[in-house]
Protein backbone atom coordinates (compact mmCIF):
# COMPACT_ATOMS: atom_id res chain seq x y z
CA MET A 1 116.48 99.95 173.19
CA ALA A 2 115.14 96.45 172.81
CA PHE A 3 111.79 95.17 171.62
CA SER A 4 108.96 95.53 174.17
CA LYS A 5 109.09 92.91 176.94
CA PHE A 6 105.32 93.29 177.37
CA LEU A 7 104.66 92.29 173.76
CA ASN A 8 107.28 89.58 173.78
CA ASP A 9 105.65 88.01 176.82
CA ARG A 10 102.33 87.89 174.88
CA ARG A 11 103.80 86.37 171.73
CA VAL A 12 102.67 82.81 172.54
CA ALA A 13 99.22 84.05 173.59
CA ALA A 14 98.88 85.89 170.26
CA LYS A 15 99.66 82.72 168.34
CA GLU A 16 97.21 80.72 170.45
CA LEU A 17 94.48 83.32 169.98
CA VAL A 18 94.94 83.31 166.20
CA ALA A 19 94.75 79.50 166.16
CA GLU A 20 91.57 79.53 168.26
CA LEU A 21 89.89 82.19 166.10
CA ARG A 22 90.81 80.34 162.92
CA LYS A 23 88.38 77.61 164.00
CA SER A 24 85.57 80.10 163.33
CA PHE A 25 87.06 82.47 160.75
CA ALA A 26 88.83 82.13 157.41
CA TYR A 27 91.49 84.57 158.62
CA ALA A 28 92.59 86.02 161.94
CA SER A 29 95.44 88.26 163.05
CA VAL A 30 96.63 90.04 166.18
CA LEU A 31 98.48 93.37 166.20
CA GLY A 32 100.12 94.33 169.49
CA THR A 33 101.46 97.86 170.00
CA ASP A 34 103.66 99.34 172.71
CA VAL A 35 104.53 102.96 171.95
CA ARG A 36 106.49 104.98 174.51
CA ALA A 37 106.43 108.75 173.98
CA THR A 38 107.67 111.55 176.24
CA VAL A 39 107.58 115.35 176.07
CA TYR A 40 110.38 117.42 177.62
CA ILE A 41 109.87 121.19 177.69
CA ALA A 42 111.43 124.24 179.29
CA ASP A 43 110.31 127.85 178.83
CA PHE A 44 110.49 131.09 180.83
CA LYS A 45 107.70 130.03 183.20
CA SER A 46 108.20 126.34 183.79
CA SER A 47 109.94 123.13 182.85
CA GLY A 48 108.97 119.51 183.11
CA VAL A 49 108.51 116.03 181.71
CA ARG A 50 105.17 114.50 180.72
CA ASP A 51 103.83 111.51 178.85
CA GLY A 52 103.36 111.92 175.13
CA ALA A 53 100.99 110.16 172.78
CA GLY A 54 101.89 106.61 173.79
CA GLU A 55 99.72 103.51 173.69
CA CYS A 56 99.78 99.86 174.68
CA GLY A 57 97.28 97.23 173.59
CA PHE A 58 96.02 94.85 170.92
CA VAL A 59 93.64 94.77 168.00
CA VAL A 60 92.29 91.44 166.74
CA ARG A 61 91.18 91.22 163.11
CA MET A 62 89.01 88.49 161.61
CA TRP A 63 87.66 87.81 158.11
CA ASN A 64 84.43 85.88 157.90
CA GLY A 65 84.47 85.29 154.14
CA ARG A 66 82.56 88.51 153.50
CA ALA A 67 83.95 91.27 155.70
CA PHE A 68 86.50 92.16 158.36
CA LEU A 69 85.57 92.27 162.03
CA GLU A 70 87.84 93.93 164.60
CA TYR A 71 88.11 93.92 168.37
CA SER A 72 90.53 95.95 170.49
CA LEU A 73 91.61 95.25 174.05
CA ASP A 74 94.34 96.16 176.52
CA ASP A 75 95.70 92.65 177.06
CA ILE A 76 95.43 89.10 175.71
CA SER A 77 96.81 87.16 178.65
CA GLY A 78 94.74 84.58 180.52
CA ASP A 79 92.32 81.94 179.27
CA ILE A 80 92.65 82.13 175.46
CA GLN A 81 89.65 79.92 174.70
CA LYS A 82 87.44 82.09 176.91
CA LEU A 83 88.85 85.26 175.32
CA ALA A 84 88.23 83.92 171.81
CA LYS A 85 84.59 83.17 172.65
CA LYS A 86 84.17 86.65 174.08
CA ILE A 87 85.66 88.24 170.95
CA ILE A 88 83.48 86.14 168.62
CA ASN A 89 80.34 87.02 170.57
CA GLU A 90 81.02 90.74 170.89
CA ALA A 91 82.47 91.27 167.40
CA THR A 92 79.46 89.75 165.58
CA PRO A 93 77.69 92.68 163.89
CA SER A 94 74.02 93.47 164.37
CA LYS A 95 71.76 93.03 161.34
CA PRO A 96 71.73 96.75 160.32
CA LEU A 97 75.54 96.67 160.23
CA PHE A 98 75.60 93.22 158.64
CA ASP A 99 73.51 94.55 155.74
CA LYS A 100 76.06 97.34 155.17
CA GLU A 101 79.15 95.14 155.12
CA ILE A 102 81.59 95.78 152.33
CA LYS A 103 82.92 92.60 150.74
CA PRO A 104 86.71 92.58 150.35
CA SER A 105 88.43 89.50 149.03
CA ALA A 106 90.39 87.08 151.18
CA PRO A 107 93.44 88.63 152.89
CA VAL A 108 96.87 87.77 151.56
CA ASP A 109 98.77 85.89 154.26
CA GLU A 110 102.10 84.95 152.70
CA PRO A 111 104.48 83.18 155.09
CA LEU A 112 107.08 85.38 156.76
CA VAL A 113 108.77 85.29 160.16
CA LYS A 114 111.09 88.20 160.79
CA SER A 115 112.25 90.68 163.42
CA PHE A 116 113.15 94.25 162.48
CA HIS A 117 115.16 96.65 164.63
CA ARG A 118 116.55 100.16 164.16
CA GLU A 119 119.13 101.34 166.68
CA ASN A 120 118.64 104.45 168.79
CA ASP A 121 120.49 105.92 171.75
CA PHE A 122 117.56 107.08 173.90
CA ALA A 123 118.50 104.86 176.86
CA GLU A 124 121.86 106.63 177.12
CA TYR A 125 120.20 109.87 178.28
CA SER A 126 118.42 110.41 181.60
CA ASP A 127 115.32 112.55 182.00
CA GLY A 128 117.49 115.10 183.79
CA GLU A 129 119.98 115.31 180.93
CA ILE A 130 117.27 115.74 178.31
CA LEU A 131 115.40 118.36 180.34
CA GLY A 132 118.72 120.07 181.01
CA PHE A 133 119.26 120.37 177.26
CA CYS A 134 115.83 121.99 176.88
CA LYS A 135 116.77 124.51 179.57
CA LYS A 136 120.04 125.20 177.79
CA ILE A 137 118.16 125.98 174.56
CA ARG A 138 115.80 128.29 176.44
CA ASP A 139 118.64 130.10 178.23
CA SER A 140 120.73 130.43 175.05
CA ILE A 141 117.87 132.14 173.23
CA LYS A 142 117.32 134.47 176.19
CA ALA A 143 121.02 135.38 176.19
CA LYS A 144 120.94 136.26 172.49
CA THR A 145 118.17 138.87 172.67
CA ASP A 146 116.32 141.03 175.16
CA LYS A 147 113.24 141.03 172.92
CA ALA A 148 112.22 137.45 173.68
CA VAL A 149 108.87 137.44 175.52
CA ASN A 150 109.26 133.70 175.88
CA ALA A 151 111.54 130.98 174.59
CA SER A 152 111.14 127.21 174.64
CA GLY A 153 113.21 124.12 174.15
CA TYR A 154 111.35 120.90 173.32
CA ILE A 155 112.48 117.30 172.96
CA LEU A 156 109.91 114.71 171.85
CA PRO A 157 111.28 111.15 171.54
CA PHE A 158 109.07 108.18 170.76
CA GLU A 159 109.89 104.48 170.54
CA VAL A 160 107.63 101.97 168.79
CA SER A 161 107.38 98.22 169.29
CA LYS A 162 104.79 96.26 167.31
CA LEU A 163 104.01 92.57 167.04
CA PHE A 164 101.94 91.13 164.19
CA VAL A 165 100.79 87.51 164.23
CA SER A 166 98.57 85.68 161.74
CA GLU A 167 98.42 82.01 160.76
CA ASN A 168 101.45 82.37 158.45
CA ARG A 169 103.13 85.55 159.68
CA GLU A 170 105.05 86.50 162.78
CA LEU A 171 106.59 89.95 162.55
CA ASP A 172 107.95 92.32 165.14
CA GLN A 173 109.58 95.72 164.85
CA ASN A 174 111.28 98.22 167.11
CA TYR A 175 112.37 101.71 166.11
CA GLY A 176 112.58 105.24 167.47
CA TRP A 177 112.59 108.86 166.38
CA VAL A 178 113.18 112.14 168.17
CA ASN A 179 112.00 115.63 167.26
CA ALA A 180 113.49 118.73 168.85
CA MET A 181 112.33 122.33 168.58
CA ALA A 182 113.51 125.75 169.62
CA ILE A 183 110.76 128.38 169.71
CA VAL A 184 110.90 132.09 170.44
CA ILE A 185 108.09 134.57 171.01
CA TYR A 186 109.70 137.84 169.97
CA SER A 187 108.34 141.37 170.37
CA ASP A 188 109.64 144.49 168.64
CA GLY A 189 106.78 146.66 167.48
CA LYS A 190 104.72 143.56 166.87
CA THR A 191 104.91 140.10 168.43
CA VAL A 192 105.85 137.08 166.29
CA ARG A 193 106.63 133.42 166.75
CA ALA A 194 109.57 131.67 165.08
CA ARG A 195 110.88 128.11 165.33
CA GLU A 196 113.74 125.87 164.29
CA ASP A 197 113.64 122.06 164.24
CA ALA A 198 116.04 119.15 164.45
CA TYR A 199 115.15 115.45 164.13
CA SER A 200 116.88 112.10 163.92
CA THR A 201 116.89 108.48 165.03
CA LYS A 202 119.43 109.51 167.68
CA MET A 203 119.24 111.91 170.61
CA SER A 204 122.91 112.79 170.16
CA ASP A 205 122.19 114.16 166.68
CA VAL A 206 119.56 116.67 167.84
CA PHE A 207 121.73 117.65 170.82
CA ALA A 208 124.46 118.57 168.33
CA GLU A 209 122.24 120.15 165.64
CA LEU A 210 119.66 122.34 167.39
CA PRO A 211 122.08 124.73 169.19
CA LYS A 212 123.64 125.60 165.81
CA LYS A 213 120.30 127.01 164.65
CA LEU A 214 119.64 129.50 167.43
CA ASP A 215 121.34 132.51 165.78
CA LYS A 216 119.23 131.88 162.68
CA LEU A 217 116.13 131.61 164.87
CA VAL A 218 116.64 134.98 166.54
CA THR A 219 117.52 136.66 163.23
CA LEU A 220 114.39 135.26 161.60
CA ALA A 221 112.21 136.46 164.47
CA ALA A 222 113.63 139.98 164.12
CA LYS A 223 112.93 139.92 160.35
CA LEU A 224 109.36 138.72 160.92
CA THR A 225 108.58 141.71 163.13
CA LYS A 226 109.19 143.87 160.05
CA SER A 227 107.18 141.65 157.70
CA LYS A 228 104.14 142.93 155.83
CA PRO A 229 101.07 141.28 154.32
CA ILE A 230 101.56 140.14 150.74
CA THR A 231 99.67 141.86 147.94
CA PRO A 232 97.42 139.09 146.60
CA GLY A 233 98.16 137.97 143.07
CA VAL A 234 99.76 135.37 140.81
CA TYR A 235 103.54 135.21 141.12
CA ASP A 236 106.60 133.20 140.15
CA VAL A 237 107.46 131.33 143.32
CA ILE A 238 110.33 129.24 144.70
CA THR A 239 109.30 126.82 147.45
CA ASP A 240 111.75 125.60 150.05
CA SER A 241 111.76 121.89 150.94
CA SER A 242 109.16 122.39 153.64
CA ILE A 243 106.65 124.05 151.31
CA SER A 244 107.41 121.61 148.48
CA GLY A 245 106.57 118.84 150.93
CA LEU A 246 103.35 120.55 152.00
CA ILE A 247 102.29 120.76 148.34
CA ALA A 248 103.12 117.07 147.83
CA HIS A 249 101.18 116.15 150.95
CA GLU A 250 98.10 118.19 150.10
CA ALA A 251 98.11 117.89 146.30
CA PHE A 252 98.76 114.18 145.85
CA GLY A 253 98.78 112.85 149.35
CA HIS A 254 95.20 112.55 150.53
CA GLY A 255 94.03 112.68 146.91
CA VAL A 256 95.71 109.37 146.11
CA GLU A 257 94.89 107.57 149.35
CA MET A 258 92.92 104.95 147.50
CA ASP A 259 90.25 104.32 150.11
CA GLN A 260 89.03 107.65 148.73
CA PHE A 261 88.89 106.02 145.27
CA VAL A 262 86.60 103.32 146.67
CA LYS A 263 84.22 106.01 147.96
CA ASP A 264 84.49 108.15 144.78
CA ARG A 265 85.76 111.03 146.89
CA ALA A 266 88.92 111.74 144.88
CA LEU A 267 89.11 113.26 141.41
CA ALA A 268 92.57 111.68 141.03
CA LYS A 269 90.85 108.34 140.38
CA ARG A 270 90.01 109.53 136.85
CA TYR A 271 93.54 110.67 136.06
CA VAL A 272 95.69 107.59 136.68
CA GLY A 273 97.88 107.20 133.58
CA LYS A 274 97.45 110.85 132.59
CA TYR A 275 99.58 113.97 132.88
CA VAL A 276 98.81 115.83 136.10
CA ALA A 277 102.10 117.74 136.44
CA SER A 278 104.93 119.05 134.31
CA PRO A 279 107.20 116.35 132.76
CA ILE A 280 110.05 117.18 135.18
CA THR A 281 107.90 116.28 138.20
CA ASN A 282 108.38 113.03 140.14
CA MET A 283 106.83 112.14 143.49
CA ARG A 284 106.95 109.18 145.89
CA ASP A 285 105.43 107.92 149.11
CA GLY A 286 106.48 105.08 151.35
CA ALA A 287 107.72 104.04 154.75
CA ALA A 288 110.64 102.44 152.90
CA ALA A 289 111.16 105.36 150.50
CA THR A 290 113.41 107.26 152.92
CA LEU A 291 114.39 107.28 156.59
CA SER A 292 112.32 109.67 158.68
CA ALA A 293 109.63 109.86 161.35
CA ALA A 294 107.09 107.90 159.26
CA SER A 295 109.51 105.09 158.39
CA PHE A 296 108.58 101.65 159.69
CA PHE A 297 109.20 98.04 158.62
CA PHE A 298 105.61 96.81 158.33
CA ASP A 299 102.24 98.55 158.54
CA ASP A 300 99.35 97.90 160.90
CA GLU A 301 97.96 95.16 158.65
CA GLY A 302 101.19 93.18 158.54
CA SER A 303 102.17 94.38 155.04
CA LEU A 304 105.83 95.22 154.53
CA ALA A 305 106.75 98.89 154.14
CA GLY A 306 106.45 100.19 150.59
CA ASP A 307 108.08 102.66 148.24
CA THR A 308 105.45 103.85 145.76
CA GLN A 309 106.03 106.01 142.71
CA ILE A 310 103.03 108.36 142.66
CA ILE A 311 104.02 110.68 139.79
CA LYS A 312 106.53 109.64 137.12
CA ASP A 313 107.69 112.31 134.66
CA GLY A 314 104.46 114.22 135.23
CA ILE A 315 102.13 111.22 134.88
CA LEU A 316 100.02 109.96 137.79
CA VAL A 317 101.03 106.30 137.82
CA ALA A 318 99.75 104.95 141.14
CA GLY A 319 98.13 105.65 144.45
CA MET A 320 98.68 104.15 147.88
CA CYS A 321 96.35 101.74 149.59
CA ASP A 322 95.57 99.54 152.55
CA SER A 323 94.69 95.88 152.05
CA VAL A 324 90.90 96.33 152.04
CA SER A 325 90.97 99.12 149.45
CA ALA A 326 93.46 97.15 147.36
CA SER A 327 91.15 94.14 147.26
CA GLN A 328 88.16 96.27 146.27
CA LEU A 329 90.09 98.05 143.51
CA GLY A 330 92.17 95.13 142.25
CA ALA A 331 95.31 97.06 143.18
CA GLU A 332 98.60 96.16 144.82
CA VAL A 333 98.92 96.61 148.59
CA THR A 334 101.46 99.39 149.22
CA GLY A 335 102.06 99.11 152.98
CA ASN A 336 99.99 102.18 153.86
CA GLY A 337 97.43 100.61 156.23
CA ARG A 338 97.84 102.68 159.39
CA ARG A 339 95.95 103.18 162.65
CA GLU A 340 95.90 106.16 164.97
CA SER A 341 96.05 103.57 167.75
CA TYR A 342 95.14 99.96 168.42
CA LYS A 343 91.64 101.27 169.27
CA ARG A 344 91.13 102.66 165.76
CA LYS A 345 90.39 101.32 162.30
CA ALA A 346 93.17 101.01 159.72
CA TYR A 347 92.89 103.50 156.86
CA THR A 348 95.04 104.21 153.82
CA ARG A 349 97.46 106.83 155.11
CA MET A 350 100.47 108.66 153.79
CA THR A 351 103.91 107.99 155.28
CA ASN A 352 106.92 109.84 153.81
CA THR A 353 105.56 111.85 150.86
CA PHE A 354 107.96 113.89 148.76
CA PHE A 355 108.99 115.21 145.36
CA GLU A 356 112.19 113.76 143.96
CA LYS A 357 115.11 116.06 143.31
CA GLY A 358 115.88 117.44 139.85
CA GLU A 359 118.87 118.98 138.12
CA ASP A 360 118.60 122.73 138.71
CA LYS A 361 120.77 124.86 141.00
CA LEU A 362 118.82 126.86 143.57
CA GLU A 363 120.77 130.01 142.75
CA ASP A 364 119.79 129.65 139.08
CA MET A 365 116.16 129.21 140.04
CA ILE A 366 116.18 132.41 142.08
CA ALA A 367 118.09 134.26 139.34
CA SER A 368 115.40 133.29 136.80
CA ILE A 369 112.69 135.31 138.57
CA LYS A 370 112.12 138.98 137.70
CA HIS A 371 109.63 139.50 140.50
CA GLY A 372 108.25 136.90 142.87
CA TYR A 373 108.78 135.23 146.22
CA MET A 374 110.61 132.38 147.89
CA LEU A 375 108.38 130.71 150.50
CA PHE A 376 109.56 129.03 153.70
CA ASP A 377 108.36 126.88 156.61
CA THR A 378 105.17 124.87 156.55
CA ASN A 379 102.33 126.13 158.70
CA ASN A 380 99.28 124.11 157.66
CA GLY A 381 97.39 122.99 154.61
CA MET A 382 94.03 121.75 153.39
CA GLU A 383 92.93 119.72 150.40
CA ASP A 384 89.63 119.07 148.65
CA PRO A 385 90.33 115.70 146.92
CA LYS A 386 86.93 115.64 145.24
CA ASN A 387 87.42 118.97 143.45
CA TRP A 388 91.23 119.02 143.43
CA GLN A 389 91.71 122.34 145.17
CA ILE A 390 94.38 123.02 147.79
CA GLN A 391 95.41 125.66 150.29
CA CYS A 392 98.95 125.67 151.69
CA THR A 393 100.19 128.19 154.25
CA ALA A 394 103.83 129.25 154.57
CA GLU A 395 105.13 130.96 157.70
CA TYR A 396 106.83 133.61 155.58
CA GLY A 397 108.14 134.59 152.17
CA ILE A 398 111.06 136.69 150.95
CA GLU A 399 110.56 138.92 147.95
CA ILE A 400 112.71 138.29 144.86
CA ILE A 401 113.48 141.27 142.62
CA ASP A 402 115.62 141.03 139.47
CA GLY A 403 116.84 137.56 140.37
CA LYS A 404 117.95 138.35 143.92
CA LEU A 405 116.51 137.73 147.36
CA THR A 406 115.76 141.04 149.08
CA ASP A 407 115.27 141.97 152.72
CA ASN A 408 111.50 142.31 152.22
CA TYR A 409 109.61 139.70 154.25
CA VAL A 410 105.91 138.88 153.94
CA SER A 411 103.97 136.80 156.47
CA PRO A 412 101.94 134.67 156.45
CA VAL A 413 101.53 133.56 152.82
CA VAL A 414 98.80 131.28 151.46
CA ILE A 415 99.04 129.31 148.19
CA SER A 416 95.65 128.34 146.78
CA GLY A 417 94.19 127.00 143.58
CA SER A 418 93.89 123.96 141.35
CA VAL A 419 96.22 121.01 141.93
CA PRO A 420 96.91 120.20 138.24
CA GLU A 421 97.29 123.89 137.39
CA LEU A 422 99.87 124.34 140.14
CA LEU A 423 101.83 121.15 139.38
CA LYS A 424 101.82 121.71 135.63
CA SER A 425 103.39 125.13 136.25
CA ILE A 426 106.58 123.56 137.70
CA THR A 427 109.44 124.68 135.46
CA MET A 428 112.53 124.05 137.63
CA VAL A 429 113.41 121.47 140.31
CA SER A 430 116.52 121.84 142.47
CA ASP A 431 119.26 119.23 142.76
CA GLY A 432 119.14 119.25 146.57
CA MET A 433 116.34 118.11 148.84
CA GLU A 434 115.31 117.59 152.46
CA ILE A 435 112.68 115.48 154.19
CA ILE A 436 111.01 117.33 157.08
CA GLY A 437 110.70 114.81 159.91
CA ALA A 438 108.30 116.53 162.26
CA GLY A 439 104.75 116.20 160.94
CA MET A 440 101.37 114.87 162.01
CA CYS A 441 98.32 114.39 159.80
CA GLY A 442 94.65 113.67 160.35
CA LYS A 443 92.20 111.93 158.06
CA GLY A 444 89.61 114.65 157.83
CA TYR A 445 89.42 115.97 161.38
CA LYS A 446 90.68 112.88 163.23
CA GLU A 447 92.80 109.69 162.92
CA TRP A 448 96.16 111.38 163.56
CA VAL A 449 99.39 109.63 162.53
CA LYS A 450 102.99 110.73 162.11
CA VAL A 451 103.90 111.73 158.57
CA THR A 452 106.79 113.47 156.88
CA ASP A 453 107.09 115.32 153.61
CA GLY A 454 109.63 117.33 151.71
CA GLY A 455 111.62 117.41 148.51
CA PRO A 456 113.69 119.85 146.50
CA ALA A 457 112.99 123.51 145.85
CA LEU A 458 110.38 123.99 143.10
CA LYS A 459 109.81 126.90 140.77
CA VAL A 460 106.06 127.30 140.21
CA ARG A 461 103.51 129.86 139.13
CA ALA A 462 101.07 130.25 142.01
CA LYS A 463 98.24 132.33 143.39
CA LEU A 464 99.34 133.89 146.69
CA GLY A 465 97.30 135.71 149.27
């Protein structure tokens, strides 16, 4: 699909608004967003199409020599001089807020005019064809087992257009991503839920990939009905890519979002330049670090997408930051300034966060364990950046005995403990990896954005419960 006509039609108005605001402010920018998202679903009871988490509007940002002021609105068409006066009047802070202003340095506004576009094939598929695929997934699962209480096929495409205009910059981007899921609610003695995912920049890819995973889905569901609770303890553990990514996200994701450094809410601030993991551990974050759901060309502050080395050979070398945090810390901007929507503030946020692959064969990693578990499929996680504790939940684990995977399943499984203790226990890293392109993440309890994580399989020593 092409760049948003709505935003393109407001391009001149954005430039005029910036010029008008520059008469009163040392810096001004306009970010326009047009995000189209749709949810297609079919299960045993119903099927349909509904709007997803789309948005369309603008946020205006100004720097008055001391602080940033922001103003969001649905449209910028009309009398630009009148609009500029309205923004200046309504965005001026009251004295109590004025007294609490932080004082970032002047924004960097290096000249750049560029359009970015990533091809997708969404326009080639009608709503009926996409919903028909969801029904096919549902019906295929039903045909494979009589123990399915319910089965669902989901397709969730989104397409993003953004326009950023400042005095020296004019950037626009257009890209898309699609997530697909097959879910079964399976009952045989006990009732369990299992899922398989597919994701890509192209609808045709998920149409081809997801049906191949349905036999695995039904088999997994049957195994989970026989699963037992794990006996709590400390074990040798192999993490699949999904769980490795969850550890990366929780251990050194939020903890190195450097707006937390500014607020002294992250213990990681004290450990930059120090060993925080075993010497075979390497980790990255960045919208440009890989191609997945959190890959974009520029962030919501007009900074180009980054590729940041977080951990290098076990040493914490850098964090990620938005422009305001970077100016307060004297750090480099990393392209991680992201907004939940045009109505929300930009924070430092993760994008694609992952461990880099190593040199070990997965079969050798499993063979090295006398007794332990291999853990699969991210469920959820939590992090305490201030005290460096994490909790990561896996959907299930498979017991390893004498270097071999058994048929003994445990579910669910929770990893907990100290971040450095867990990462320093990494002794093997597989030579294959995957980025899981289906995540969302909040900052605390809100400010949700799309993220991905992943990596290779890791061998760690971990507390499970």
